[in-house]
PDB file of all heavy atoms in Angstrom:
ATOM      1  N   VAL A   1      99.412 112.837 116.013  1.00  0.00           N
ATOM      2  CA  VAL A   1      98.861 111.552 115.591  1.00  0.00           C
ATOM      3  C   VAL A   1      97.703 111.718 114.634  1.00  0.00           C
ATOM      4  O   VAL A   1      97.608 110.986 113.643  1.00  0.00           O
ATOM      5  CB  VAL A   1      98.426 110.738 116.853  1.00  0.00           C
ATOM      6  CG1 VAL A   1      97.516 109.582 116.479  1.00  0.00           C
ATOM      7  CG2 VAL A   1      99.643 110.237 117.618  1.00  0.00           C
ATOM      8  N   THR A   2      96.805 112.689 114.912  1.00  0.00           N
ATOM      9  CA  THR A   2      95.676 112.888 114.048  1.00  0.00           C
ATOM     10  C   THR A   2      96.108 113.225 112.631  1.00  0.00           C
ATOM     11  O   THR A   2      95.498 112.756 111.637  1.00  0.00           O
ATOM     12  CB  THR A   2      94.786 114.037 114.610  1.00  0.00           C
ATOM     13  OG1 THR A   2      94.329 113.658 115.932  1.00  0.00           O
ATOM     14  CG2 THR A   2      93.592 114.241 113.722  1.00  0.00           C
ATOM     15  N   ALA A   3      97.138 114.051 112.487  1.00  0.00           N
ATOM     16  CA  ALA A   3      97.604 114.445 111.154  1.00  0.00           C
ATOM     17  C   ALA A   3      98.157 113.259 110.369  1.00  0.00           C
ATOM     18  O   ALA A   3      97.869 113.080 109.197  1.00  0.00           O
ATOM     19  CB  ALA A   3      98.694 115.515 111.278  1.00  0.00           C
ATOM     20  N   LEU A   4      98.911 112.378 111.050  1.00  0.00           N
ATOM     21  CA  LEU A   4      99.414 111.178 110.359  1.00  0.00           C
ATOM     22  C   LEU A   4      98.284 110.194 110.048  1.00  0.00           C
ATOM     23  O   LEU A   4      98.247 109.644 108.947  1.00  0.00           O
ATOM     24  CB  LEU A   4     100.472 110.503 111.229  1.00  0.00           C
ATOM     25  CG  LEU A   4     101.090 109.223 110.659  1.00  0.00           C
ATOM     26  CD1 LEU A   4     101.630 109.429 109.257  1.00  0.00           C
ATOM     27  CD2 LEU A   4     102.196 108.689 111.582  1.00  0.00           C
ATOM     28  N   LEU A   5      97.352 110.033 110.958  1.00  0.00           N
ATOM     29  CA  LEU A   5      96.223 109.149 110.707  1.00  0.00           C
ATOM     30  C   LEU A   5      95.403 109.631 109.518  1.00  0.00           C
ATOM     31  O   LEU A   5      94.978 108.824 108.671  1.00  0.00           O
ATOM     32  CB  LEU A   5      95.361 109.043 111.973  1.00  0.00           C
ATOM     33  CG  LEU A   5      94.074 108.164 111.828  1.00  0.00           C
ATOM     34  CD1 LEU A   5      94.410 106.736 111.450  1.00  0.00           C
ATOM     35  CD2 LEU A   5      93.310 108.220 113.140  1.00  0.00           C
ATOM     36  N   ALA A   6      95.222 110.908 109.424  1.00  0.00           N
ATOM     37  CA  ALA A   6      94.463 111.484 108.292  1.00  0.00           C
ATOM     38  C   ALA A   6      95.127 111.125 106.964  1.00  0.00           C
ATOM     39  O   ALA A   6      94.476 110.783 105.954  1.00  0.00           O
ATOM     40  CB  ALA A   6      94.322 113.000 108.431  1.00  0.00           C
ATOM     41  N   GLU A   7      96.426 111.209 106.900  1.00  0.00           N
ATOM     42  CA  GLU A   7      97.215 110.879 105.694  1.00  0.00           C
ATOM     43  C   GLU A   7      97.080 109.413 105.359  1.00  0.00           C
ATOM     44  O   GLU A   7      96.876 109.007 104.176  1.00  0.00           O
ATOM     45  CB  GLU A   7      98.622 111.280 105.849  1.00  0.00           C
ATOM     46  CG  GLU A   7      99.499 111.067 104.605  1.00  0.00           C
ATOM     47  CD  GLU A   7      99.103 111.963 103.441  1.00  0.00           C
ATOM     48  OE1 GLU A   7      98.274 112.896 103.645  1.00  0.00           O
ATOM     49  OE2 GLU A   7      99.636 111.723 102.349  1.00  0.00           O
ATOM     50  N   VAL A   8      97.133 108.515 106.381  1.00  0.00           N
ATOM     51  CA  VAL A   8      97.067 107.088 106.145  1.00  0.00           C
ATOM     52  C   VAL A   8      95.673 106.716 105.654  1.00  0.00           C
ATOM     53  O   VAL A   8      95.488 105.907 104.726  1.00  0.00           O
ATOM     54  CB  VAL A   8      97.431 106.334 107.411  1.00  0.00           C
ATOM     55  CG1 VAL A   8      97.109 104.848 107.318  1.00  0.00           C
ATOM     56  CG2 VAL A   8      98.902 106.536 107.738  1.00  0.00           C
ATOM     57  N   LEU A   9      94.645 107.280 106.277  1.00  0.00           N
ATOM     58  CA  LEU A   9      93.256 106.991 105.851  1.00  0.00           C
ATOM     59  C   LEU A   9      93.026 107.458 104.426  1.00  0.00           C
ATOM     60  O   LEU A   9      92.326 106.795 103.619  1.00  0.00           O
ATOM     61  CB  LEU A   9      92.264 107.613 106.828  1.00  0.00           C
ATOM     62  CG  LEU A   9      92.317 107.062 108.269  1.00  0.00           C
ATOM     63  CD1 LEU A   9      91.335 107.870 109.130  1.00  0.00           C
ATOM     64  CD2 LEU A   9      91.893 105.558 108.284  1.00  0.00           C
ATOM     65  N   ARG A  10      93.580 108.613 104.089  1.00  0.00           N
ATOM     66  CA  ARG A  10      93.413 109.166 102.747  1.00  0.00           C
ATOM     67  C   ARG A  10      94.037 108.193 101.719  1.00  0.00           C
ATOM     68  O   ARG A  10      93.443 107.905 100.672  1.00  0.00           O
ATOM     69  CB  ARG A  10      94.065 110.529 102.645  1.00  0.00           C
ATOM     70  CG  ARG A  10      93.880 111.207 101.310  1.00  0.00           C
ATOM     71  CD  ARG A  10      94.722 112.488 101.205  1.00  0.00           C
ATOM     72  NE  ARG A  10      96.166 112.225 101.162  1.00  0.00           N
ATOM     73  CZ  ARG A  10      96.824 111.815 100.079  1.00  0.00           C
ATOM     74  NH1 ARG A  10      96.144 111.646  98.951  1.00  0.00           N
ATOM     75  NH2 ARG A  10      98.115 111.607 100.136  1.00  0.00           N
ATOM     76  N   LEU A  11      95.233 107.720 102.000  1.00  0.00           N
ATOM     77  CA  LEU A  11      95.912 106.812 101.118  1.00  0.00           C
ATOM     78  C   LEU A  11      95.187 105.469 100.981  1.00  0.00           C
ATOM     79  O   LEU A  11      95.088 104.944  99.857  1.00  0.00           O
ATOM     80  CB  LEU A  11      97.356 106.578 101.523  1.00  0.00           C
ATOM     81  CG  LEU A  11      98.295 107.812 101.399  1.00  0.00           C
ATOM     82  CD1 LEU A  11      99.555 107.614 102.169  1.00  0.00           C
ATOM     83  CD2 LEU A  11      98.613 108.031  99.926  1.00  0.00           C
ATOM     84  N   GLN A  12      94.664 104.954 102.062  1.00  0.00           N
ATOM     85  CA  GLN A  12      93.901 103.743 101.981  1.00  0.00           C
ATOM     86  C   GLN A  12      92.638 103.910 101.137  1.00  0.00           C
ATOM     87  O   GLN A  12      92.364 103.114 100.263  1.00  0.00           O
ATOM     88  CB  GLN A  12      93.504 103.267 103.410  1.00  0.00           C
ATOM     89  CG  GLN A  12      94.621 102.606 104.182  1.00  0.00           C
ATOM     90  CD  GLN A  12      94.099 101.942 105.450  1.00  0.00           C
ATOM     91  OE1 GLN A  12      93.408 102.602 106.240  1.00  0.00           O
ATOM     92  NE2 GLN A  12      94.469 100.689 105.643  1.00  0.00           N
ATOM     93  N   TYR A  13      91.906 104.978 101.408  1.00  0.00           N
ATOM     94  CA  TYR A  13      90.642 105.183 100.712  1.00  0.00           C
ATOM     95  C   TYR A  13      90.888 105.467  99.203  1.00  0.00           C
ATOM     96  O   TYR A  13      90.136 105.000  98.337  1.00  0.00           O
ATOM     97  CB  TYR A  13      89.839 106.308 101.333  1.00  0.00           C
ATOM     98  CG  TYR A  13      88.430 106.369 100.790  1.00  0.00           C
ATOM     99  CD1 TYR A  13      87.540 105.377 101.107  1.00  0.00           C
ATOM    100  CD2 TYR A  13      87.977 107.456 100.021  1.00  0.00           C
ATOM    101  CE1 TYR A  13      86.220 105.432 100.670  1.00  0.00           C
ATOM    102  CE2 TYR A  13      86.688 107.483  99.563  1.00  0.00           C
ATOM    103  CZ  TYR A  13      85.807 106.459  99.884  1.00  0.00           C
ATOM    104  OH  TYR A  13      84.526 106.507  99.413  1.00  0.00           O
ATOM    105  N   ALA A  14      91.961 106.163  98.885  1.00  0.00           N
ATOM    106  CA  ALA A  14      92.263 106.463  97.486  1.00  0.00           C
ATOM    107  C   ALA A  14      92.726 105.173  96.750  1.00  0.00           C
ATOM    108  O   ALA A  14      92.471 104.988  95.549  1.00  0.00           O
ATOM    109  CB  ALA A  14      93.351 107.495  97.395  1.00  0.00           C
ATOM    110  N   GLY A  15      93.384 104.270  97.483  1.00  0.00           N
ATOM    111  CA  GLY A  15      93.899 103.050  96.857  1.00  0.00           C
ATOM    112  C   GLY A  15      94.937 103.301  95.760  1.00  0.00           C
ATOM    113  O   GLY A  15      95.045 102.500  94.818  1.00  0.00           O
ATOM    114  N   ASP A  16      95.669 104.387  95.895  1.00  0.00           N
ATOM    115  CA  ASP A  16      96.663 104.805  94.890  1.00  0.00           C
ATOM    116  C   ASP A  16      98.032 104.175  95.296  1.00  0.00           C
ATOM    117  O   ASP A  16      98.696 104.695  96.199  1.00  0.00           O
ATOM    118  CB  ASP A  16      96.724 106.302  94.826  1.00  0.00           C
ATOM    119  CG  ASP A  16      97.642 106.827  93.746  1.00  0.00           C
ATOM    120  OD1 ASP A  16      98.561 106.085  93.314  1.00  0.00           O
ATOM    121  OD2 ASP A  16      97.466 107.974  93.264  1.00  0.00           O
ATOM    122  N   TYR A  17      98.405 103.098  94.634  1.00  0.00           N
ATOM    123  CA  TYR A  17      99.650 102.394  94.986  1.00  0.00           C
ATOM    124  C   TYR A  17     100.854 103.281  94.814  1.00  0.00           C
ATOM    125  O   TYR A  17     101.727 103.282  95.650  1.00  0.00           O
ATOM    126  CB  TYR A  17      99.739 101.161  94.140  1.00  0.00           C
ATOM    127  CG  TYR A  17     100.950 100.272  94.465  1.00  0.00           C
ATOM    128  CD1 TYR A  17     100.933  99.456  95.605  1.00  0.00           C
ATOM    129  CD2 TYR A  17     102.124 100.308  93.699  1.00  0.00           C
ATOM    130  CE1 TYR A  17     102.014  98.657  95.936  1.00  0.00           C
ATOM    131  CE2 TYR A  17     103.198  99.520  94.050  1.00  0.00           C
ATOM    132  CZ  TYR A  17     103.152  98.722  95.157  1.00  0.00           C
ATOM    133  OH  TYR A  17     104.269  97.939  95.477  1.00  0.00           O
ATOM    134  N   ALA A  18     100.933 104.048  93.735  1.00  0.00           N
ATOM    135  CA  ALA A  18     102.110 104.898  93.509  1.00  0.00           C
ATOM    136  C   ALA A  18     102.210 105.963  94.597  1.00  0.00           C
ATOM    137  O   ALA A  18     103.336 106.221  95.078  1.00  0.00           O
ATOM    138  CB  ALA A  18     101.977 105.580  92.146  1.00  0.00           C
ATOM    139  N   ALA A  19     101.113 106.518  95.036  1.00  0.00           N
ATOM    140  CA  ALA A  19     101.134 107.519  96.116  1.00  0.00           C
ATOM    141  C   ALA A  19     101.535 106.859  97.420  1.00  0.00           C
ATOM    142  O   ALA A  19     102.217 107.476  98.255  1.00  0.00           O
ATOM    143  CB  ALA A  19      99.776 108.200  96.245  1.00  0.00           C
ATOM    144  N   ALA A  20     101.102 105.605  97.654  1.00  0.00           N
ATOM    145  CA  ALA A  20     101.472 104.899  98.866  1.00  0.00           C
ATOM    146  C   ALA A  20     102.998 104.665  98.904  1.00  0.00           C
ATOM    147  O   ALA A  20     103.656 104.852  99.912  1.00  0.00           O
ATOM    148  CB  ALA A  20     100.743 103.568  98.934  1.00  0.00           C
ATOM    149  N   ILE A  21     103.575 104.294  97.773  1.00  0.00           N
ATOM    150  CA  ILE A  21     105.022 104.038  97.705  1.00  0.00           C
ATOM    151  C   ILE A  21     105.770 105.376  97.953  1.00  0.00           C
ATOM    152  O   ILE A  21     106.756 105.412  98.660  1.00  0.00           O
ATOM    153  CB  ILE A  21     105.414 103.466  96.322  1.00  0.00           C
ATOM    154  CG1 ILE A  21     104.835 102.055  96.161  1.00  0.00           C
ATOM    155  CG2 ILE A  21     106.920 103.479  96.127  1.00  0.00           C
ATOM    156  CD1 ILE A  21     105.409 101.046  97.123  1.00  0.00           C
ATOM    157  N   GLU A  22     105.307 106.434  97.361  1.00  0.00           N
ATOM    158  CA  GLU A  22     105.944 107.743  97.549  1.00  0.00           C
ATOM    159  C   GLU A  22     105.917 108.160  99.035  1.00  0.00           C
ATOM    160  O   GLU A  22     106.912 108.671  99.541  1.00  0.00           O
ATOM    161  CB  GLU A  22     105.222 108.808  96.726  1.00  0.00           C
ATOM    162  CG  GLU A  22     105.820 110.168  96.794  1.00  0.00           C
ATOM    163  CD  GLU A  22     105.111 111.188  95.920  1.00  0.00           C
ATOM    164  OE1 GLU A  22     104.207 110.794  95.166  1.00  0.00           O
ATOM    165  OE2 GLU A  22     105.398 112.407  96.024  1.00  0.00           O
ATOM    166  N   PHE A  23     104.814 107.882  99.698  1.00  0.00           N
ATOM    167  CA  PHE A  23     104.710 108.196 101.123  1.00  0.00           C
ATOM    168  C   PHE A  23     105.707 107.390 101.947  1.00  0.00           C
ATOM    169  O   PHE A  23     106.378 107.898 102.825  1.00  0.00           O
ATOM    170  CB  PHE A  23     103.280 107.933 101.609  1.00  0.00           C
ATOM    171  CG  PHE A  23     103.079 108.056 103.092  1.00  0.00           C
ATOM    172  CD1 PHE A  23     102.876 109.284 103.687  1.00  0.00           C
ATOM    173  CD2 PHE A  23     103.099 106.908 103.902  1.00  0.00           C
ATOM    174  CE1 PHE A  23     102.703 109.405 105.075  1.00  0.00           C
ATOM    175  CE2 PHE A  23     102.931 107.022 105.264  1.00  0.00           C
ATOM    176  CZ  PHE A  23     102.777 108.228 105.842  1.00  0.00           C
ATOM    177  N   ILE A  24     105.752 106.066 101.653  1.00  0.00           N
ATOM    178  CA  ILE A  24     106.705 105.227 102.379  1.00  0.00           C
ATOM    179  C   ILE A  24     108.138 105.710 102.171  1.00  0.00           C
ATOM    180  O   ILE A  24     108.905 105.817 103.160  1.00  0.00           O
ATOM    181  CB  ILE A  24     106.526 103.741 101.919  1.00  0.00           C
ATOM    182  CG1 ILE A  24     105.175 103.205 102.330  1.00  0.00           C
ATOM    183  CG2 ILE A  24     107.643 102.844 102.498  1.00  0.00           C
ATOM    184  CD1 ILE A  24     104.834 101.877 101.743  1.00  0.00           C
ATOM    185  N   GLU A  25     108.497 105.984 100.951  1.00  0.00           N
ATOM    186  CA  GLU A  25     109.873 106.406 100.654  1.00  0.00           C
ATOM    187  C   GLU A  25     110.209 107.759 101.306  1.00  0.00           C
ATOM    188  O   GLU A  25     111.361 108.029 101.637  1.00  0.00           O
ATOM    189  CB  GLU A  25     110.104 106.470  99.163  1.00  0.00           C
ATOM    190  CG  GLU A  25     110.068 105.075  98.460  1.00  0.00           C
ATOM    191  CD  GLU A  25     110.178 105.171  96.986  1.00  0.00           C
ATOM    192  OE1 GLU A  25     110.014 106.299  96.424  1.00  0.00           O
ATOM    193  OE2 GLU A  25     110.379 104.114  96.346  1.00  0.00           O
ATOM    194  N   ARG A  26     109.183 108.555 101.507  1.00  0.00           N
ATOM    195  CA  ARG A  26     109.408 109.857 102.179  1.00  0.00           C
ATOM    196  C   ARG A  26     109.690 109.684 103.653  1.00  0.00           C
ATOM    197  O   ARG A  26     110.522 110.452 104.238  1.00  0.00           O
ATOM    198  CB  ARG A  26     108.150 110.729 101.961  1.00  0.00           C
ATOM    199  CG  ARG A  26     108.021 111.920 102.828  1.00  0.00           C
ATOM    200  CD  ARG A  26     109.020 113.038 102.484  1.00  0.00           C
ATOM    201  NE  ARG A  26     108.813 114.222 103.264  1.00  0.00           N
ATOM    202  CZ  ARG A  26     109.229 114.391 104.519  1.00  0.00           C
ATOM    203  NH1 ARG A  26     109.934 113.437 105.135  1.00  0.00           N
ATOM    204  NH2 ARG A  26     108.994 115.516 105.201  1.00  0.00           N
TER     205      ARG A  26
END
């Protein structure tokens, strides 16, 4: 859970929409 939470918090703080889409598609 901690590993996934770290990735989600990183994506939120970066605010990188393209990276967010790539994560979802993965």
